[in-house]
Every structure is written in C-alpha cells, then in structure tokens.
Amino acid sequence: MKYHTCNIIPTRLLKKLMEQGEEKELKGHLFNSIRHSERFRARRDILGSLPALFPTGGSGKQRYVFDAHNDTDISKSILLRKEGDSEDDNQVAKEVYDGLGYTYDFYYNNYGRKSIDNKDMPLNGYIHWDINLDNAFWDGMEMCFGDGDKVNLKGFTSVVDIIGHELTHGVTQYEAALEYFCDEQHQPGALNESISDCFGSMVKQYVLQQTADKADWLIGQGIFVKDPNWAIRSMKQPGSANPHDDQPSNMDGYNPLPNDEDDDEGGVHLFSGIPNNAFYRAAVEIGGNVWEKTGLVWYKTLSSGLPTDCSFEIFASHTIQVAGNLFGQESKEQNAIRKAWEAVKVPVKDLTAANYIPAKRK
C-alpha cells in the first residue's frame, strides 16, 4: 500500500502567515513547519518499513497516546496513555485520547466500522511533535500533532474535527487508496482532503449532536490565535474562513498549477473547497443528522469502486448512483445530491453507460 502524508494546514497558508510576520523567531517556526511538509512529501513511500514501532493486536477500540518530546523520531516517543488507563492531568494527551475515541465511536456506531482499517487497527496519536510545529498530519500509519507557534496557531489537539480529519485520511487510504495530486483531469488529492473535512465536520456535529442547519461547517475553528472565529476552511462558504483563505467554491475557480510551480500537489487543499461545498449543500437540503443520509452516501461511495486517480466528475457520479441505490431513484436524497454538484458546476456521468470506463493514472 502506498502511503501519503496529509497535513491539515496547507503550505500556501503557512507561507502567507510567514510573509506577514515580523518576528524573526516566529518566521523561523513557520519556515520549519513549511520544511517539515516538504520533507514528509519526500518520504511518503518509505513509511511502510516502520510497522515494528507501533502497537498491534487486540480487538475493539485501541487508543495509544505518545509524547514525541518535540522530536520527529518516533522511536524516541514515550507512551503516555493507552486504552483503559485512568485520566491524568495531561490535558493535551486527554484531548487526543478523547478525540480518537469520539472518531472511533462515530464510525462504529453509525457505519459499523472498526477503526481505520475496519479490523480494529490501533489508533496511535503523537503529541508535541517537532518544535512549535504549525500542523497536524496523517503519515500513512499514525496521527501527529504539533503544538503551534502560539502566535499564529495554537496546539492542534483541542479541535475534535482536526482529529477526525486526520483519522479519516486513514479510512480513505484503506477504502479507496486515492492518490495525492491535482491536475486538469484528475482531483484525487483534493477529494482526499475534502472527504477528511466532511467526516471531520460530522465528528464534531456528532459530538455536539447538531443537525445540518445548526452546524457551523467550519474546519479548525479556534486554532488561530489572532481571532478565535477564524478557521482553516469553511465548507459553507469556501474562501471566507480567514483573511488568507482563497478557496474557490465552484469549478469556475479551478485552475491547478503545474507541480514545479506549486507546493500543494496542484492544489489539494485549495480545491477541496469545491466538493466540500457540494457536501454542505446536499446535507442542508436533505436535513437532519448529516451522518445518517448524506454522510452514509459519502461513506458508501468510498468503497464503490473509485479509480485511484478519481476526478470530481467521477466521484460526484458515484455519490448520485449510491444515493439512488440507498434511497431510490429520483428520491429526495438523490436529487439533493445531484443538485448540490450542479451548484458547484461539477458535471456527472452516467455510470451505467456501456462506454463508461473509469480512468486510471499511468
């Protein structure tokens, strides 16, 4: 299996924060976070050689929280808390332990899913990763959380949708194995990020017991030091989450950069706002608890035979087909999902057509 490192904060946002900063030390922390993202892009494919470092075996919910002690060497991390241990006074460890638990419960209680791989894979969370790291990420095997530089960004463990977002990258990895790039014809990386936003938002809604009309549809709200109302992304209004947010909300703004001119794999974070907005629109139109219908369609779509280099068009077509299978052809749910994709200007295909062949990246 090919591994991808998926950060919650795009490098383009870190660069904008660094450009506006004045303190030399702060710029250094942001530069380190940018370099961290670039280093992990280069080492994605070697992570499969590290399984001996992780707890294995057992069944049911298995959470392990490690303290990385501001290092990036996993072998130096210390286990702070495992499943069933009593709570102590380490607030950061508690946040990760609880967040992983909420996310596991969300998937199990609603979809019968047993952890990331559906086989009760241990949930390994690493706190205090690197020095003042302005990011959180899934690297193909575990979730790691930085403490933030405390001037631009806070620690990444207090926001449950961030934890849900990172764990969902693992679910997507095992269910659909979507690649991590974005070009004119294929958008699997942007879909990968969007799926994590969709389920991260639903985890927060599930914890708060919010219906679609009550949710804020913000990802990572509260993580910015300057203004607690800012967020990393807005699913309701892409481009409005913070002063540096430039996500387009529909395909009119889709213009991926060549890989040699971009550090976001063509715009996997930038263009995730398009399917994010489609999900939001469908969820609000259908109403109720999002995880019961709209979320179920997205979850079933992950295992519906998506090509690994999936485009928005193919993904949208699969969601419409899955909705028809679940709720009936021309049902309220199917029509709402079709209408949502039309609103963000993503066309759909007839997956039953005899000449339809899913594209594969060569």
Protein backbone atom coordinates (compact mmCIF):
# COMPACT_ATOMS: atom_id res chain seq x y z
CA MET A 1 0.00 0.00 0.00
CA LYS A 2 1.28 3.45 -0.91
CA TYR A 3 1.36 5.97 1.93
CA HIS A 4 0.67 9.68 1.77
CA THR A 5 1.42 12.34 4.34
CA CYS A 6 -1.61 14.59 4.66
CA ASN A 7 -1.34 17.89 6.58
CA ILE A 8 -4.34 19.84 7.85
CA ILE A 9 -2.67 23.23 7.18
CA PRO A 10 -1.62 23.79 3.55
CA THR A 11 1.89 25.09 2.93
CA ARG A 12 0.47 28.04 0.99
CA LEU A 13 -1.25 29.28 4.18
CA LEU A 14 1.93 28.88 6.24
CA LYS A 15 3.81 30.94 3.66
CA LYS A 16 1.22 33.71 3.84
CA LEU A 17 1.48 33.78 7.63
CA MET A 18 5.27 33.93 7.36
CA GLU A 19 5.13 36.81 4.87
CA GLN A 20 3.03 38.95 7.22
CA GLY A 21 5.06 38.13 10.32
CA GLU A 22 7.70 40.45 11.71
CA GLU A 23 9.39 38.45 14.47
CA LYS A 24 12.47 36.59 13.30
CA GLU A 25 11.92 33.67 15.72
CA LEU A 26 8.29 33.32 14.65
CA LYS A 27 9.26 33.27 10.98
CA GLY A 28 11.73 30.55 11.87
CA HIS A 29 9.00 28.36 13.37
CA LEU A 30 6.79 28.85 10.32
CA PHE A 31 9.71 28.11 7.99
CA ASN A 32 10.39 24.92 9.94
CA SER A 33 6.74 23.90 9.53
CA ILE A 34 6.99 24.52 5.77
CA ARG A 35 10.18 22.46 5.57
CA HIS A 36 8.50 19.71 7.60
CA SER A 37 5.75 19.45 4.98
CA GLU A 38 8.28 19.27 2.17
CA ARG A 39 10.38 16.63 3.96
CA PHE A 40 7.40 14.39 4.50
CA ARG A 41 6.31 14.74 0.90
CA ALA A 42 9.66 13.20 0.01
CA ARG A 43 9.49 10.25 2.44
CA ARG A 44 5.92 9.02 1.96
CA ASP A 45 6.92 5.80 0.29
CA ILE A 46 9.35 4.58 2.97
CA LEU A 47 6.94 4.61 5.90
CA GLY A 48 5.92 1.04 5.25
CA SER A 49 9.25 -0.10 6.75
CA LEU A 50 8.28 1.07 10.25
CA PRO A 51 5.48 -1.24 11.46
CA ALA A 52 7.54 -2.73 14.28
CA LEU A 53 7.38 0.61 16.12
CA PHE A 54 3.62 0.53 16.55
CA PRO A 55 1.35 -1.42 18.92
CA THR A 56 -0.56 -4.22 17.19
CA GLY A 57 -3.10 -6.89 18.07
CA GLY A 58 -6.19 -6.90 20.21
CA SER A 59 -9.75 -6.01 19.29
CA GLY A 60 -12.16 -3.17 19.88
CA LYS A 61 -11.17 0.42 20.43
CA GLN A 62 -7.39 0.69 20.98
CA ARG A 63 -6.02 4.17 21.63
CA TYR A 64 -2.37 4.93 22.28
CA VAL A 65 -1.13 8.46 23.01
CA PHE A 66 2.60 9.11 22.77
CA ASP A 67 4.71 12.14 23.73
CA ALA A 68 7.19 12.92 20.96
CA HIS A 69 9.02 15.40 23.21
CA ASN A 70 9.33 17.95 20.38
CA ASP A 71 11.27 15.49 18.27
CA THR A 72 10.45 13.83 14.94
CA ASP A 73 11.98 10.44 15.71
CA ILE A 74 9.12 8.08 16.54
CA SER A 75 11.43 5.65 18.30
CA LYS A 76 12.14 8.28 20.96
CA SER A 77 8.47 8.82 21.81
CA ILE A 78 7.10 7.78 25.20
CA LEU A 79 3.71 6.12 25.69
CA LEU A 80 1.60 8.35 27.94
CA ARG A 81 -1.76 6.65 27.88
CA LYS A 82 -3.34 3.54 26.39
CA GLU A 83 -6.88 2.22 26.18
CA GLY A 84 -8.45 1.86 29.62
CA ASP A 85 -5.84 3.88 31.53
CA SER A 86 -7.22 6.31 34.06
CA GLU A 87 -7.21 10.01 33.23
CA ASP A 88 -4.29 12.12 34.45
CA ASP A 89 -3.59 15.86 34.42
CA ASN A 90 -2.05 15.92 30.91
CA GLN A 91 -4.65 17.99 29.03
CA VAL A 92 -3.10 17.54 25.58
CA ALA A 93 -2.98 13.77 25.98
CA LYS A 94 -6.60 13.80 27.15
CA GLU A 95 -7.69 15.81 24.11
CA VAL A 96 -6.12 13.32 21.71
CA TYR A 97 -7.34 10.29 23.66
CA ASP A 98 -10.89 11.66 23.73
CA GLY A 99 -10.80 12.86 20.13
CA LEU A 100 -9.67 9.47 18.84
CA GLY A 101 -12.42 7.87 20.92
CA TYR A 102 -15.12 10.17 19.56
CA THR A 103 -13.99 9.46 16.00
CA TYR A 104 -13.84 5.70 16.53
CA ASP A 105 -17.34 5.79 18.08
CA PHE A 106 -18.63 7.90 15.20
CA TYR A 107 -17.53 5.37 12.60
CA TYR A 108 -18.51 2.30 14.62
CA ASN A 109 -21.90 3.48 15.85
CA ASN A 110 -23.01 4.87 12.50
CA TYR A 111 -21.36 2.62 9.94
CA GLY A 112 -20.19 -0.40 11.91
CA ARG A 113 -16.60 0.43 11.02
CA LYS A 114 -13.92 -0.92 13.33
CA SER A 115 -11.14 1.66 13.28
CA ILE A 116 -9.10 2.90 10.33
CA ASP A 117 -8.72 -0.44 8.55
CA ASN A 118 -12.08 -1.88 9.73
CA LYS A 119 -10.06 -4.52 11.59
CA ASP A 120 -9.50 -2.59 14.83
CA MET A 121 -6.18 -1.10 13.83
CA PRO A 122 -4.67 0.66 16.88
CA LEU A 123 -5.16 4.42 16.89
CA ASN A 124 -1.77 5.98 17.54
CA GLY A 125 -1.63 9.68 18.34
CA TYR A 126 1.64 11.57 18.84
CA ILE A 127 1.57 14.89 20.68
CA HIS A 128 4.27 17.60 20.95
CA TRP A 129 5.54 16.63 17.50
CA ASP A 130 8.58 18.69 16.49
CA ILE A 131 9.25 22.17 17.91
CA ASN A 132 6.31 24.60 17.67
CA LEU A 133 5.05 22.77 14.59
CA ASP A 134 2.16 24.61 12.93
CA ASN A 135 0.44 21.49 11.66
CA ALA A 136 -1.16 18.12 12.29
CA PHE A 137 -0.87 15.22 9.88
CA TRP A 138 -1.53 11.59 8.99
CA ASP A 139 1.57 9.94 7.51
CA GLY A 140 0.09 6.61 6.49
CA MET A 141 0.38 4.92 9.87
CA GLU A 142 -0.37 7.36 12.68
CA MET A 143 -1.58 10.86 13.55
CA CYS A 144 0.85 13.52 14.75
CA PHE A 145 0.01 16.88 16.30
CA GLY A 146 2.16 19.97 16.61
CA ASP A 147 1.95 22.49 19.44
CA GLY A 148 1.68 25.53 17.16
CA ASP A 149 3.91 28.59 17.40
CA LYS A 150 1.47 30.19 19.91
CA VAL A 151 1.50 33.47 17.97
CA ASN A 152 -0.27 32.43 14.78
CA LEU A 153 -1.59 29.00 15.64
CA LYS A 154 -2.44 27.10 18.81
CA GLY A 155 -1.88 23.43 19.51
CA PHE A 156 -3.82 21.15 17.20
CA THR A 157 -5.35 18.75 19.72
CA SER A 158 -8.16 20.86 21.16
CA VAL A 159 -10.28 20.83 18.00
CA VAL A 160 -12.04 17.49 17.52
CA ASP A 161 -12.72 17.98 13.81
CA ILE A 162 -8.95 18.14 13.20
CA ILE A 163 -8.53 14.75 14.89
CA GLY A 164 -11.47 13.39 12.91
CA HIS A 165 -9.98 14.85 9.73
CA GLU A 166 -6.61 13.15 10.19
CA LEU A 167 -8.07 9.77 11.17
CA THR A 168 -10.30 9.87 8.09
CA HIS A 169 -7.25 10.13 5.84
CA GLY A 170 -6.50 6.62 7.08
CA VAL A 171 -10.03 5.42 6.30
CA THR A 172 -9.74 6.83 2.78
CA GLN A 173 -6.33 5.20 2.41
CA TYR A 174 -7.74 1.77 3.20
CA GLU A 175 -11.07 2.10 1.38
CA ALA A 176 -10.23 3.99 -1.81
CA ALA A 177 -6.42 4.42 -1.91
CA LEU A 178 -6.85 7.80 -3.56
CA GLU A 179 -3.64 9.28 -4.92
CA TYR A 180 -2.46 12.69 -3.77
CA PHE A 181 -2.28 15.12 -6.67
CA CYS A 182 -4.49 17.50 -8.60
CA ASP A 183 -4.40 18.32 -12.33
CA GLU A 184 -6.74 19.27 -15.16
CA GLN A 185 -8.43 15.87 -15.41
CA HIS A 186 -7.94 14.26 -12.02
CA GLN A 187 -8.51 15.53 -8.50
CA PRO A 188 -7.95 12.58 -6.11
CA GLY A 189 -5.85 14.60 -3.66
CA ALA A 190 -8.47 17.34 -3.37
CA LEU A 191 -11.12 14.66 -2.88
CA ASN A 192 -8.92 13.04 -0.23
CA GLU A 193 -8.73 16.32 1.68
CA SER A 194 -12.43 17.03 1.17
CA ILE A 195 -13.50 13.62 2.46
CA SER A 196 -11.47 14.25 5.61
CA ASP A 197 -13.11 17.66 6.04
CA CYS A 198 -16.59 16.15 5.53
CA PHE A 199 -16.09 13.44 8.14
CA GLY A 200 -14.14 15.71 10.48
CA SER A 201 -17.08 18.11 10.44
CA MET A 202 -19.51 15.25 11.03
CA VAL A 203 -17.49 14.01 14.00
CA LYS A 204 -17.82 17.48 15.56
CA GLN A 205 -21.54 17.56 14.76
CA TYR A 206 -21.92 14.05 16.25
CA VAL A 207 -20.18 15.06 19.47
CA LEU A 208 -22.30 18.22 19.74
CA GLN A 209 -25.44 16.44 18.49
CA GLN A 210 -26.04 19.08 15.84
CA THR A 211 -28.26 18.78 12.80
CA ALA A 212 -27.20 20.14 9.42
CA ASP A 213 -28.87 23.50 9.97
CA LYS A 214 -27.21 24.02 13.37
CA ALA A 215 -23.62 23.13 12.40
CA ASP A 216 -21.06 25.88 11.71
CA TRP A 217 -19.44 23.93 8.83
CA LEU A 218 -16.02 25.31 9.78
CA ILE A 219 -12.86 23.21 9.91
CA GLY A 220 -10.42 24.01 12.68
CA GLN A 221 -12.26 27.00 14.15
CA GLY A 222 -10.40 28.26 17.21
CA ILE A 223 -6.95 27.23 16.07
CA PHE A 224 -5.89 30.80 15.15
CA VAL A 225 -4.51 32.91 17.98
CA LYS A 226 -5.38 36.30 16.49
CA ASP A 227 -9.11 35.65 16.12
CA PRO A 228 -10.93 32.61 17.59
CA ASN A 229 -13.63 32.99 14.93
CA TRP A 230 -11.22 32.24 12.13
CA ALA A 231 -11.00 28.69 10.80
CA ILE A 232 -8.80 26.77 8.39
CA ARG A 233 -11.62 26.20 5.88
CA SER A 234 -15.33 26.87 5.52
CA MET A 235 -17.47 24.22 3.84
CA LYS A 236 -20.45 26.58 3.71
CA GLN A 237 -18.57 29.50 2.16
CA PRO A 238 -15.16 28.44 0.80
CA GLY A 239 -12.82 31.40 0.73
CA SER A 240 -14.22 33.05 3.87
CA ALA A 241 -12.68 31.08 6.75
CA ASN A 242 -9.81 33.51 7.40
CA PRO A 243 -8.22 36.53 5.70
CA HIS A 244 -5.81 34.26 3.77
CA ASP A 245 -8.44 31.77 2.59
CA ASP A 246 -8.57 31.72 -1.22
CA GLN A 247 -10.55 28.53 -1.84
CA PRO A 248 -12.95 28.68 -4.79
CA SER A 249 -16.47 27.38 -4.19
CA ASN A 250 -17.11 26.06 -7.70
CA MET A 251 -15.33 24.92 -10.86
CA ASP A 252 -15.12 28.46 -12.25
CA GLY A 253 -12.16 28.92 -9.90
CA TYR A 254 -10.46 25.62 -10.72
CA ASN A 255 -7.02 26.25 -12.23
CA PRO A 256 -4.37 23.85 -10.89
CA LEU A 257 -0.72 24.85 -11.12
CA PRO A 258 1.97 22.62 -12.62
CA ASN A 259 3.81 20.63 -9.94
CA ASP A 260 7.01 22.59 -10.43
CA GLU A 261 5.18 25.83 -9.55
CA ASP A 262 3.15 24.61 -6.59
CA ASP A 263 3.77 23.04 -3.19
CA ASP A 264 0.25 21.72 -2.67
CA GLU A 265 0.30 18.89 -5.25
CA GLY A 266 -1.56 21.06 -7.72
CA GLY A 267 -3.97 22.41 -5.09
CA VAL A 268 -5.27 19.51 -3.00
CA HIS A 269 -6.17 21.84 -0.11
CA LEU A 270 -7.10 24.79 -2.30
CA PHE A 271 -9.64 22.96 -4.47
CA SER A 272 -11.07 20.70 -1.77
CA GLY A 273 -13.49 23.57 -1.18
CA ILE A 274 -15.45 22.61 -4.30
CA PRO A 275 -16.54 19.10 -3.17
CA ASN A 276 -16.75 20.45 0.40
CA ASN A 277 -19.37 22.94 -0.70
CA ALA A 278 -21.28 20.25 -2.61
CA PHE A 279 -21.39 18.13 0.55
CA TYR A 280 -22.61 21.07 2.62
CA ARG A 281 -25.33 21.91 0.09
CA ALA A 282 -26.55 18.30 -0.09
CA ALA A 283 -26.53 17.91 3.70
CA VAL A 284 -28.55 21.07 4.32
CA GLU A 285 -31.02 20.20 1.56
CA ILE A 286 -31.55 16.69 2.96
CA GLY A 287 -31.55 17.94 6.56
CA GLY A 288 -31.39 16.12 9.87
CA ASN A 289 -28.30 14.42 11.26
CA VAL A 290 -25.82 14.62 8.42
CA TRP A 291 -24.18 11.28 9.17
CA GLU A 292 -27.46 9.40 8.69
CA LYS A 293 -28.00 10.13 4.99
CA THR A 294 -25.52 12.45 3.28
CA GLY A 295 -22.64 11.05 5.31
CA LEU A 296 -23.79 7.49 4.62
CA VAL A 297 -23.74 8.18 0.88
CA TRP A 298 -20.20 9.59 1.07
CA TYR A 299 -19.07 6.65 3.23
CA LYS A 300 -20.52 4.06 0.84
CA THR A 301 -19.02 5.94 -2.10
CA LEU A 302 -15.54 5.36 -0.69
CA SER A 303 -15.93 1.64 -1.31
CA SER A 304 -17.91 1.93 -4.57
CA GLY A 305 -15.01 1.23 -6.92
CA LEU A 306 -13.50 4.69 -7.30
CA PRO A 307 -10.42 4.92 -9.52
CA THR A 308 -7.32 5.87 -7.54
CA ASP A 309 -6.90 8.98 -9.71
CA CYS A 310 -10.56 9.93 -9.29
CA SER A 311 -11.92 13.20 -10.65
CA PHE A 312 -14.65 15.35 -9.13
CA GLU A 313 -16.88 14.28 -12.00
CA ILE A 314 -16.45 10.56 -11.32
CA PHE A 315 -16.79 10.99 -7.55
CA ALA A 316 -19.96 13.05 -7.99
CA SER A 317 -21.37 10.43 -10.34
CA HIS A 318 -20.70 7.70 -7.79
CA THR A 319 -22.42 9.64 -4.99
CA ILE A 320 -25.54 10.02 -7.13
CA GLN A 321 -25.53 6.34 -8.02
CA VAL A 322 -25.00 5.32 -4.38
CA ALA A 323 -27.80 7.63 -3.24
CA GLY A 324 -30.13 6.01 -5.75
CA ASN A 325 -29.16 2.55 -4.52
CA LEU A 326 -29.73 3.54 -0.88
CA PHE A 327 -32.80 5.73 -1.09
CA GLY A 328 -34.30 5.09 -4.52
CA GLN A 329 -34.02 6.64 -7.96
CA GLU A 330 -35.23 10.26 -8.05
CA SER A 331 -35.55 10.21 -4.26
CA LYS A 332 -35.23 13.43 -2.28
CA GLU A 333 -31.74 12.38 -1.24
CA GLN A 334 -30.52 11.59 -4.74
CA ASN A 335 -31.99 14.76 -6.20
CA ALA A 336 -30.44 16.89 -3.43
CA ILE A 337 -27.01 15.43 -4.10
CA ARG A 338 -27.36 15.89 -7.86
CA LYS A 339 -28.49 19.49 -7.30
CA ALA A 340 -25.50 20.14 -4.99
CA TRP A 341 -22.99 19.03 -7.61
CA GLU A 342 -24.74 21.12 -10.23
CA ALA A 343 -24.48 24.15 -7.92
CA VAL A 344 -20.69 23.84 -7.74
CA LYS A 345 -20.59 23.25 -11.53
CA VAL A 346 -19.26 19.69 -11.41
CA PRO A 347 -20.79 17.63 -14.26
CA VAL A 348 -21.79 14.00 -13.72
CA LYS A 349 -21.51 10.85 -15.81
CA ASP A 350 -23.96 8.03 -16.41
CA LEU A 351 -22.14 5.16 -14.71
CA THR A 352 -24.44 2.64 -16.35
CA ALA A 353 -23.44 3.69 -19.87
CA ALA A 354 -21.88 0.89 -21.89
CA ASN A 355 -18.94 3.04 -22.97
CA TYR A 356 -18.02 4.24 -19.46
CA ILE A 357 -14.54 3.15 -18.38
CA PRO A 358 -13.02 4.67 -15.22
CA ALA A 359 -9.74 6.43 -15.95
CA LYS A 360 -6.58 5.13 -14.33
CA ARG A 361 -3.36 7.11 -13.84
CA LYS A 362 -0.44 5.59 -15.71
